[in-house]
């Protein structure tokens, strides 16, 4: 069963924690989709895209991501070749 949650705490190296706006899980386990939401009055920027990419680098179990301002939706997927490279 698919579930979603708001404000998921994502642990980063060095003990810091960042909040992902929304996540989607399967059977309430590890997040499979990370969602970053911005205000509807703002344009999606490279800074926003880098923020979502940073989440992927710290949560390799997630394979898909969505960046949105509620009007425009950008969909991303990640394929990990090894623990250090992305495509």
PDB file of N, CA and C in Angstrom:
ATOM      1  N   UNK A   1       0.837  -1.174   0.000  1.00  0.00           N
ATOM      2  CA  UNK A   1       0.000   0.000   0.000  1.00  0.00           C
ATOM      3  C   UNK A   1       0.889   1.246   0.000  1.00  0.00           C
ATOM      4  N   UNK A   2       0.528   2.234  -0.774  1.00  0.00           N
ATOM      5  CA  UNK A   2       1.290   3.470  -0.884  1.00  0.00           C
ATOM      6  C   UNK A   2       0.802   4.471   0.170  1.00  0.00           C
ATOM      7  N   UNK A   3       1.755   5.138   0.825  1.00  0.00           N
ATOM      8  CA  UNK A   3       1.450   6.135   1.847  1.00  0.00           C
ATOM      9  C   UNK A   3       2.269   7.387   1.577  1.00  0.00           C
ATOM     10  N   UNK A   4       1.840   8.507   2.157  1.00  0.00           N
ATOM     11  CA  UNK A   4       2.634   9.727   2.051  1.00  0.00           C
ATOM     12  C   UNK A   4       2.760  10.363   3.419  1.00  0.00           C
ATOM     13  N   UNK A   5       3.750  11.237   3.534  1.00  0.00           N
ATOM     14  CA  UNK A   5       4.004  11.909   4.797  1.00  0.00           C
ATOM     15  C   UNK A   5       4.548  13.308   4.509  1.00  0.00           C
ATOM     16  N   UNK A   6       4.242  14.238   5.385  1.00  0.00           N
ATOM     17  CA  UNK A   6       4.756  15.607   5.282  1.00  0.00           C
ATOM     18  C   UNK A   6       5.978  15.761   6.170  1.00  0.00           C
ATOM     19  N   UNK A   7       6.878  16.640   5.776  1.00  0.00           N
ATOM     20  CA  UNK A   7       8.031  17.005   6.598  1.00  0.00           C
ATOM     21  C   UNK A   7       8.806  15.786   7.103  1.00  0.00           C
ATOM     22  N   UNK A   8       9.379  15.044   6.183  1.00  0.00           N
ATOM     23  CA  UNK A   8      10.187  13.879   6.522  1.00  0.00           C
ATOM     24  C   UNK A   8      11.587  14.338   6.891  1.00  0.00           C
ATOM     25  N   UNK A   9      12.096  13.869   8.020  1.00  0.00           N
ATOM     26  CA  UNK A   9      13.445  14.227   8.464  1.00  0.00           C
ATOM     27  C   UNK A   9      14.458  13.322   7.779  1.00  0.00           C
ATOM     28  N   UNK A  10      15.337  13.930   7.005  1.00  0.00           N
ATOM     29  CA  UNK A  10      16.355  13.198   6.262  1.00  0.00           C
ATOM     30  C   UNK A  10      17.698  13.462   6.925  1.00  0.00           C
ATOM     31  N   UNK A  11      18.339  12.411   7.405  1.00  0.00           N
ATOM     32  CA  UNK A  11      19.618  12.550   8.108  1.00  0.00           C
ATOM     33  C   UNK A  11      20.747  12.689   7.108  1.00  0.00           C
ATOM     34  N   UNK A  12      21.582  13.681   7.334  1.00  0.00           N
ATOM     35  CA  UNK A  12      22.750  13.941   6.508  1.00  0.00           C
ATOM     36  C   UNK A  12      23.998  13.530   7.275  1.00  0.00           C
ATOM     37  N   UNK A  13      25.107  13.470   6.567  1.00  0.00           N
ATOM     38  CA  UNK A  13      26.376  13.197   7.220  1.00  0.00           C
ATOM     39  C   UNK A  13      26.662  14.286   8.249  1.00  0.00           C
ATOM     40  N   UNK A  14      27.503  13.981   9.183  1.00  0.00           N
ATOM     41  CA  UNK A  14      27.890  14.928  10.228  1.00  0.00           C
ATOM     42  C   UNK A  14      26.738  15.246  11.170  1.00  0.00           C
ATOM     43  N   UNK A  15      25.703  14.414  11.197  1.00  0.00           N
ATOM     44  CA  UNK A  15      24.634  14.569  12.169  1.00  0.00           C
ATOM     45  C   UNK A  15      23.576  15.612  11.877  1.00  0.00           C
ATOM     46  N   UNK A  16      23.649  16.289  10.748  1.00  0.00           N
ATOM     47  CA  UNK A  16      22.621  17.288  10.452  1.00  0.00           C
ATOM     48  C   UNK A  16      21.376  16.625   9.871  1.00  0.00           C
ATOM     49  N   UNK A  17      20.266  17.311   9.996  1.00  0.00           N
ATOM     50  CA  UNK A  17      18.978  16.808   9.509  1.00  0.00           C
ATOM     51  C   UNK A  17      18.327  17.889   8.660  1.00  0.00           C
ATOM     52  N   UNK A  18      17.773  17.492   7.520  1.00  0.00           N
ATOM     53  CA  UNK A  18      17.018  18.415   6.674  1.00  0.00           C
ATOM     54  C   UNK A  18      15.634  17.850   6.470  1.00  0.00           C
ATOM     55  N   UNK A  19      14.673  18.720   6.241  1.00  0.00           N
ATOM     56  CA  UNK A  19      13.283  18.315   6.071  1.00  0.00           C
ATOM     57  C   UNK A  19      12.904  18.283   4.597  1.00  0.00           C
ATOM     58  N   UNK A  20      12.469  17.115   4.131  1.00  0.00           N
ATOM     59  CA  UNK A  20      11.910  16.975   2.797  1.00  0.00           C
ATOM     60  C   UNK A  20      10.425  17.296   2.931  1.00  0.00           C
ATOM     61  N   UNK A  21       9.888  18.121   2.037  1.00  0.00           N
ATOM     62  CA  UNK A  21       8.499  18.566   2.169  1.00  0.00           C
ATOM     63  C   UNK A  21       7.507  17.415   2.221  1.00  0.00           C
ATOM     64  N   UNK A  22       7.639  16.465   1.310  1.00  0.00           N
ATOM     65  CA  UNK A  22       6.745  15.301   1.301  1.00  0.00           C
ATOM     66  C   UNK A  22       7.525  14.089   0.810  1.00  0.00           C
ATOM     67  N   UNK A  23       7.078  12.922   1.241  1.00  0.00           N
ATOM     68  CA  UNK A  23       7.644  11.666   0.747  1.00  0.00           C
ATOM     69  C   UNK A  23       6.504  10.702   0.440  1.00  0.00           C
ATOM     70  N   UNK A  24       6.782   9.767  -0.435  1.00  0.00           N
ATOM     71  CA  UNK A  24       5.846   8.684  -0.701  1.00  0.00           C
ATOM     72  C   UNK A  24       6.579   7.392  -0.389  1.00  0.00           C
ATOM     73  N   UNK A  25       5.927   6.515   0.372  1.00  0.00           N
ATOM     74  CA  UNK A  25       6.513   5.245   0.762  1.00  0.00           C
ATOM     75  C   UNK A  25       5.641   4.103   0.255  1.00  0.00           C
ATOM     76  N   UNK A  26       6.223   2.934   0.258  1.00  0.00           N
ATOM     77  CA  UNK A  26       5.474   1.720  -0.057  1.00  0.00           C
ATOM     78  C   UNK A  26       5.469   0.872   1.205  1.00  0.00           C
ATOM     79  N   UNK A  27       4.287   0.537   1.688  1.00  0.00           N
ATOM     80  CA  UNK A  27       4.120  -0.228   2.932  1.00  0.00           C
ATOM     81  C   UNK A  27       4.759   0.461   4.140  1.00  0.00           C
ATOM     82  N   UNK A  28       4.712   1.794   4.143  1.00  0.00           N
ATOM     83  CA  UNK A  28       5.219   2.602   5.258  1.00  0.00           C
ATOM     84  C   UNK A  28       6.681   2.331   5.588  1.00  0.00           C
ATOM     85  N   UNK A  29       7.440   1.947   4.583  1.00  0.00           N
ATOM     86  CA  UNK A  29       8.868   1.703   4.789  1.00  0.00           C
ATOM     87  C   UNK A  29       9.643   2.900   4.267  1.00  0.00           C
ATOM     88  N   UNK A  30      10.818   2.671   3.782  1.00  0.00           N
ATOM     89  CA  UNK A  30      11.691   3.753   3.337  1.00  0.00           C
ATOM     90  C   UNK A  30      11.066   4.548   2.186  1.00  0.00           C
ATOM     91  N   UNK A  31      11.288   5.850   2.141  1.00  0.00           N
ATOM     92  CA  UNK A  31      10.730   6.677   1.062  1.00  0.00           C
ATOM     93  C   UNK A  31      11.225   6.233  -0.310  1.00  0.00           C
ATOM     94  N   UNK A  32      10.297   6.192  -1.265  1.00  0.00           N
ATOM     95  CA  UNK A  32      10.667   5.854  -2.639  1.00  0.00           C
ATOM     96  C   UNK A  32      10.592   7.073  -3.549  1.00  0.00           C
ATOM     97  N   UNK A  33       9.827   8.081  -3.140  1.00  0.00           N
ATOM     98  CA  UNK A  33       9.723   9.335  -3.904  1.00  0.00           C
ATOM     99  C   UNK A  33       9.884  10.506  -2.940  1.00  0.00           C
ATOM    100  N   UNK A  34      10.775  11.430  -3.294  1.00  0.00           N
ATOM    101  CA  UNK A  34      10.985  12.652  -2.510  1.00  0.00           C
ATOM    102  C   UNK A  34      10.324  13.808  -3.262  1.00  0.00           C
ATOM    103  N   UNK A  35       9.601  14.660  -2.549  1.00  0.00           N
ATOM    104  CA  UNK A  35       8.890  15.770  -3.190  1.00  0.00           C
ATOM    105  C   UNK A  35       9.285  17.074  -2.511  1.00  0.00           C
ATOM    106  N   UNK A  36       9.773  18.018  -3.305  1.00  0.00           N
ATOM    107  CA  UNK A  36      10.125  19.353  -2.809  1.00  0.00           C
ATOM    108  C   UNK A  36       9.109  20.339  -3.369  1.00  0.00           C
ATOM    109  N   UNK A  37       8.435  21.067  -2.480  1.00  0.00           N
ATOM    110  CA  UNK A  37       7.371  21.994  -2.866  1.00  0.00           C
ATOM    111  C   UNK A  37       7.811  23.441  -2.654  1.00  0.00           C
ATOM    112  N   UNK A  38       7.521  24.266  -3.622  1.00  0.00           N
ATOM    113  CA  UNK A  38       7.810  25.693  -3.540  1.00  0.00           C
ATOM    114  C   UNK A  38       6.502  26.475  -3.673  1.00  0.00           C
ATOM    115  N   UNK A  39       6.550  27.744  -3.375  1.00  0.00           N
ATOM    116  CA  UNK A  39       5.349  28.584  -3.477  1.00  0.00           C
ATOM    117  C   UNK A  39       4.882  28.694  -4.926  1.00  0.00           C
ATOM    118  N   UNK A  40       3.581  28.808  -5.098  1.00  0.00           N
ATOM    119  CA  UNK A  40       3.023  28.879  -6.455  1.00  0.00           C
ATOM    120  C   UNK A  40       3.428  30.154  -7.179  1.00  0.00           C
ATOM    121  N   UNK A  41       3.827  31.166  -6.441  1.00  0.00           N
ATOM    122  CA  UNK A  41       4.227  32.436  -7.059  1.00  0.00           C
ATOM    123  C   UNK A  41       5.705  32.452  -7.436  1.00  0.00           C
ATOM    124  N   UNK A  42       6.438  31.376  -7.115  1.00  0.00           N
ATOM    125  CA  UNK A  42       7.868  31.359  -7.435  1.00  0.00           C
ATOM    126  C   UNK A  42       8.153  30.456  -8.636  1.00  0.00           C
ATOM    127  N   UNK A  43       9.189  30.811  -9.368  1.00  0.00           N
ATOM    128  CA  UNK A  43       9.662  29.976 -10.461  1.00  0.00           C
ATOM    129  C   UNK A  43      10.571  28.898  -9.892  1.00  0.00           C
ATOM    130  N   UNK A  44      10.608  27.743 -10.531  1.00  0.00           N
ATOM    131  CA  UNK A  44      11.528  26.698 -10.119  1.00  0.00           C
ATOM    132  C   UNK A  44      12.913  27.035 -10.650  1.00  0.00           C
ATOM    133  N   UNK A  45      13.909  26.962  -9.787  1.00  0.00           N
ATOM    134  CA  UNK A  45      15.263  27.408 -10.141  1.00  0.00           C
ATOM    135  C   UNK A  45      16.269  26.264 -10.023  1.00  0.00           C
ATOM    136  N   UNK A  46      17.475  26.520 -10.507  1.00  0.00           N
ATOM    137  CA  UNK A  46      18.550  25.544 -10.368  1.00  0.00           C
ATOM    138  C   UNK A  46      18.881  25.307  -8.898  1.00  0.00           C
ATOM    139  N   UNK A  47      18.729  26.318  -8.072  1.00  0.00           N
ATOM    140  CA  UNK A  47      18.945  26.152  -6.633  1.00  0.00           C
ATOM    141  C   UNK A  47      17.954  25.146  -6.063  1.00  0.00           C
ATOM    142  N   UNK A  48      16.700  25.206  -6.501  1.00  0.00           N
ATOM    143  CA  UNK A  48      15.695  24.233  -6.065  1.00  0.00           C
ATOM    144  C   UNK A  48      16.055  22.833  -6.538  1.00  0.00           C
ATOM    145  N   UNK A  49      16.540  22.725  -7.774  1.00  0.00           N
ATOM    146  CA  UNK A  49      16.925  21.429  -8.324  1.00  0.00           C
ATOM    147  C   UNK A  49      18.115  20.846  -7.565  1.00  0.00           C
ATOM    148  N   UNK A  50      19.060  21.703  -7.206  1.00  0.00           N
ATOM    149  CA  UNK A  50      20.221  21.252  -6.419  1.00  0.00           C
ATOM    150  C   UNK A  50      19.790  20.781  -5.043  1.00  0.00           C
ATOM    151  N   UNK A  51      18.788  21.422  -4.463  1.00  0.00           N
ATOM    152  CA  UNK A  51      18.267  21.009  -3.165  1.00  0.00           C
ATOM    153  C   UNK A  51      17.716  19.583  -3.247  1.00  0.00           C
ATOM    154  N   UNK A  52      16.919  19.303  -4.273  1.00  0.00           N
ATOM    155  CA  UNK A  52      16.372  17.965  -4.458  1.00  0.00           C
ATOM    156  C   UNK A  52      17.494  16.960  -4.733  1.00  0.00           C
ATOM    157  N   UNK A  53      18.480  17.344  -5.533  1.00  0.00           N
ATOM    158  CA  UNK A  53      19.617  16.460  -5.822  1.00  0.00           C
ATOM    159  C   UNK A  53      20.393  16.136  -4.546  1.00  0.00           C
ATOM    160  N   UNK A  54      20.519  17.101  -3.662  1.00  0.00           N
ATOM    161  CA  UNK A  54      21.207  16.884  -2.387  1.00  0.00           C
ATOM    162  C   UNK A  54      20.469  15.838  -1.545  1.00  0.00           C
ATOM    163  N   UNK A  55      19.153  15.873  -1.582  1.00  0.00           N
ATOM    164  CA  UNK A  55      18.369  14.861  -0.875  1.00  0.00           C
ATOM    165  C   UNK A  55      18.660  13.470  -1.426  1.00  0.00           C
ATOM    166  N   UNK A  56      18.730  13.348  -2.753  1.00  0.00           N
ATOM    167  CA  UNK A  56      19.033  12.066  -3.375  1.00  0.00           C
ATOM    168  C   UNK A  56      20.400  11.539  -2.944  1.00  0.00           C
ATOM    169  N   UNK A  57      21.379  12.422  -2.897  1.00  0.00           N
ATOM    170  CA  UNK A  57      22.734  12.000  -2.522  1.00  0.00           C
ATOM    171  C   UNK A  57      22.794  11.482  -1.094  1.00  0.00           C
ATOM    172  N   UNK A  58      21.878  11.908  -0.262  1.00  0.00           N
ATOM    173  CA  UNK A  58      21.875  11.490   1.135  1.00  0.00           C
ATOM    174  C   UNK A  58      20.807  10.443   1.438  1.00  0.00           C
ATOM    175  N   UNK A  59      20.030  10.071   0.452  1.00  0.00           N
ATOM    176  CA  UNK A  59      19.014   9.033   0.637  1.00  0.00           C
ATOM    177  C   UNK A  59      18.941   8.209  -0.638  1.00  0.00           C
ATOM    178  N   UNK A  60      19.899   7.337  -0.803  1.00  0.00           N
ATOM    179  CA  UNK A  60      20.049   6.584  -2.047  1.00  0.00           C
ATOM    180  C   UNK A  60      18.941   5.562  -2.279  1.00  0.00           C
ATOM    181  N   UNK A  61      18.110   5.285  -1.276  1.00  0.00           N
ATOM    182  CA  UNK A  61      17.001   4.358  -1.460  1.00  0.00           C
ATOM    183  C   UNK A  61      15.894   4.958  -2.326  1.00  0.00           C
ATOM    184  N   UNK A  62      15.806   6.279  -2.356  1.00  0.00           N
ATOM    185  CA  UNK A  62      14.794   6.957  -3.177  1.00  0.00           C
ATOM    186  C   UNK A  62      15.233   6.944  -4.634  1.00  0.00           C
ATOM    187  N   UNK A  63      14.312   6.631  -5.496  1.00  0.00           N
ATOM    188  CA  UNK A  63      14.626   6.527  -6.926  1.00  0.00           C
ATOM    189  C   UNK A  63      13.974   7.617  -7.767  1.00  0.00           C
ATOM    190  N   UNK A  64      12.978   8.310  -7.208  1.00  0.00           N
ATOM    191  CA  UNK A  64      12.258   9.339  -7.961  1.00  0.00           C
ATOM    192  C   UNK A  64      12.074  10.577  -7.107  1.00  0.00           C
ATOM    193  N   UNK A  65      11.933  11.694  -7.798  1.00  0.00           N
ATOM    194  CA  UNK A  65      11.703  12.951  -7.097  1.00  0.00           C
ATOM    195  C   UNK A  65      10.820  13.862  -7.913  1.00  0.00           C
ATOM    196  N   UNK A  66      10.146  14.745  -7.214  1.00  0.00           N
ATOM    197  CA  UNK A  66       9.282  15.735  -7.856  1.00  0.00           C
ATOM    198  C   UNK A  66       9.620  17.092  -7.265  1.00  0.00           C
ATOM    199  N   UNK A  67       9.818  18.059  -8.143  1.00  0.00           N
ATOM    200  CA  UNK A  67       9.982  19.454  -7.747  1.00  0.00           C
ATOM    201  C   UNK A  67       8.782  20.200  -8.308  1.00  0.00           C
ATOM    202  N   UNK A  68       8.066  20.917  -7.453  1.00  0.00           N
ATOM    203  CA  UNK A  68       6.845  21.573  -7.923  1.00  0.00           C
ATOM    204  C   UNK A  68       6.588  22.884  -7.191  1.00  0.00           C
ATOM    205  N   UNK A  69       5.888  23.767  -7.893  1.00  0.00           N
ATOM    206  CA  UNK A  69       5.335  24.962  -7.253  1.00  0.00           C
ATOM    207  C   UNK A  69       3.805  24.883  -7.273  1.00  0.00           C
ATOM    208  N   UNK A  70       3.283  23.703  -7.552  1.00  0.00           N
ATOM    209  CA  UNK A  70       1.849  23.493  -7.605  1.00  0.00           C
ATOM    210  C   UNK A  70       1.248  23.781  -8.974  1.00  0.00           C
ATOM    211  N   UNK A  71       2.019  24.430  -9.821  1.00  0.00           N
ATOM    212  CA  UNK A  71       1.579  24.731 -11.187  1.00  0.00           C
ATOM    213  C   UNK A  71       2.448  23.967 -12.177  1.00  0.00           C
ATOM    214  N   UNK A  72       3.760  24.054 -11.972  1.00  0.00           N
ATOM    215  CA  UNK A  72       4.732  23.342 -12.793  1.00  0.00           C
ATOM    216  C   UNK A  72       5.258  22.167 -11.979  1.00  0.00           C
ATOM    217  N   UNK A  73       5.343  21.003 -12.614  1.00  0.00           N
ATOM    218  CA  UNK A  73       5.863  19.799 -11.962  1.00  0.00           C
ATOM    219  C   UNK A  73       7.042  19.285 -12.774  1.00  0.00           C
ATOM    220  N   UNK A  74       8.177  19.090 -12.114  1.00  0.00           N
ATOM    221  CA  UNK A  74       9.348  18.498 -12.750  1.00  0.00           C
ATOM    222  C   UNK A  74       9.600  17.145 -12.090  1.00  0.00           C
ATOM    223  N   UNK A  75       9.723  16.116 -12.914  1.00  0.00           N
ATOM    224  CA  UNK A  75       9.895  14.752 -12.421  1.00  0.00           C
ATOM    225  C   UNK A  75      11.327  14.297 -12.687  1.00  0.00           C
ATOM    226  N   UNK A  76      11.914  13.646 -11.698  1.00  0.00           N
ATOM    227  CA  UNK A  76      13.297  13.190 -11.800  1.00  0.00           C
ATOM    228  C   UNK A  76      13.384  11.741 -11.343  1.00  0.00           C
ATOM    229  N   UNK A  77      14.337  11.022 -11.930  1.00  0.00           N
ATOM    230  CA  UNK A  77      14.640   9.674 -11.446  1.00  0.00           C
ATOM    231  C   UNK A  77      16.148   9.525 -11.373  1.00  0.00           C
ATOM    232  N   UNK A  78      16.580   8.621 -10.521  1.00  0.00           N
ATOM    233  CA  UNK A  78      17.999   8.405 -10.301  1.00  0.00           C
ATOM    234  C   UNK A  78      18.304   6.943 -10.533  1.00  0.00           C
ATOM    235  N   UNK A  79      19.427   6.692 -11.209  1.00  0.00           N
ATOM    236  CA  UNK A  79      19.922   5.337 -11.355  1.00  0.00           C
ATOM    237  C   UNK A  79      21.328   5.338 -10.762  1.00  0.00           C
ATOM    238  N   UNK A  80      21.510   4.597  -9.706  1.00  0.00           N
ATOM    239  CA  UNK A  80      22.804   4.545  -9.040  1.00  0.00           C
ATOM    240  C   UNK A  80      23.628   3.423  -9.643  1.00  0.00           C
ATOM    241  N   UNK A  81      24.798   3.761 -10.211  1.00  0.00           N
ATOM    242  CA  UNK A  81      25.716   2.742 -10.733  1.00  0.00           C
ATOM    243  C   UNK A  81      26.559   2.153  -9.618  1.00  0.00           C
ATOM    244  N   UNK A  82      26.961   3.016  -8.708  1.00  0.00           N
ATOM    245  CA  UNK A  82      27.670   2.572  -7.515  1.00  0.00           C
ATOM    246  C   UNK A  82      27.417   3.606  -6.435  1.00  0.00           C
ATOM    247  N   UNK A  83      28.077   3.494  -5.319  1.00  0.00           N
ATOM    248  CA  UNK A  83      27.781   4.365  -4.197  1.00  0.00           C
ATOM    249  C   UNK A  83      28.246   5.811  -4.392  1.00  0.00           C
ATOM    250  N   UNK A  84      29.025   6.093  -5.457  1.00  0.00           N
ATOM    251  CA  UNK A  84      29.585   7.431  -5.621  1.00  0.00           C
ATOM    252  C   UNK A  84      29.133   8.160  -6.880  1.00  0.00           C
ATOM    253  N   UNK A  85      28.502   7.482  -7.819  1.00  0.00           N
ATOM    254  CA  UNK A  85      28.165   8.116  -9.101  1.00  0.00           C
ATOM    255  C   UNK A  85      26.670   8.098  -9.355  1.00  0.00           C
ATOM    256  N   UNK A  86      26.185   9.133 -10.063  1.00  0.00           N
ATOM    257  CA  UNK A  86      24.787   9.178 -10.473  1.00  0.00           C
ATOM    258  C   UNK A  86      24.720   9.368 -11.974  1.00  0.00           C
ATOM    259  N   UNK A  87      23.600   9.019 -12.549  1.00  0.00           N
ATOM    260  CA  UNK A  87      23.354   9.258 -13.977  1.00  0.00           C
ATOM    261  C   UNK A  87      22.025   9.915 -14.124  1.00  0.00           C
TER     262      UNK A  87
END
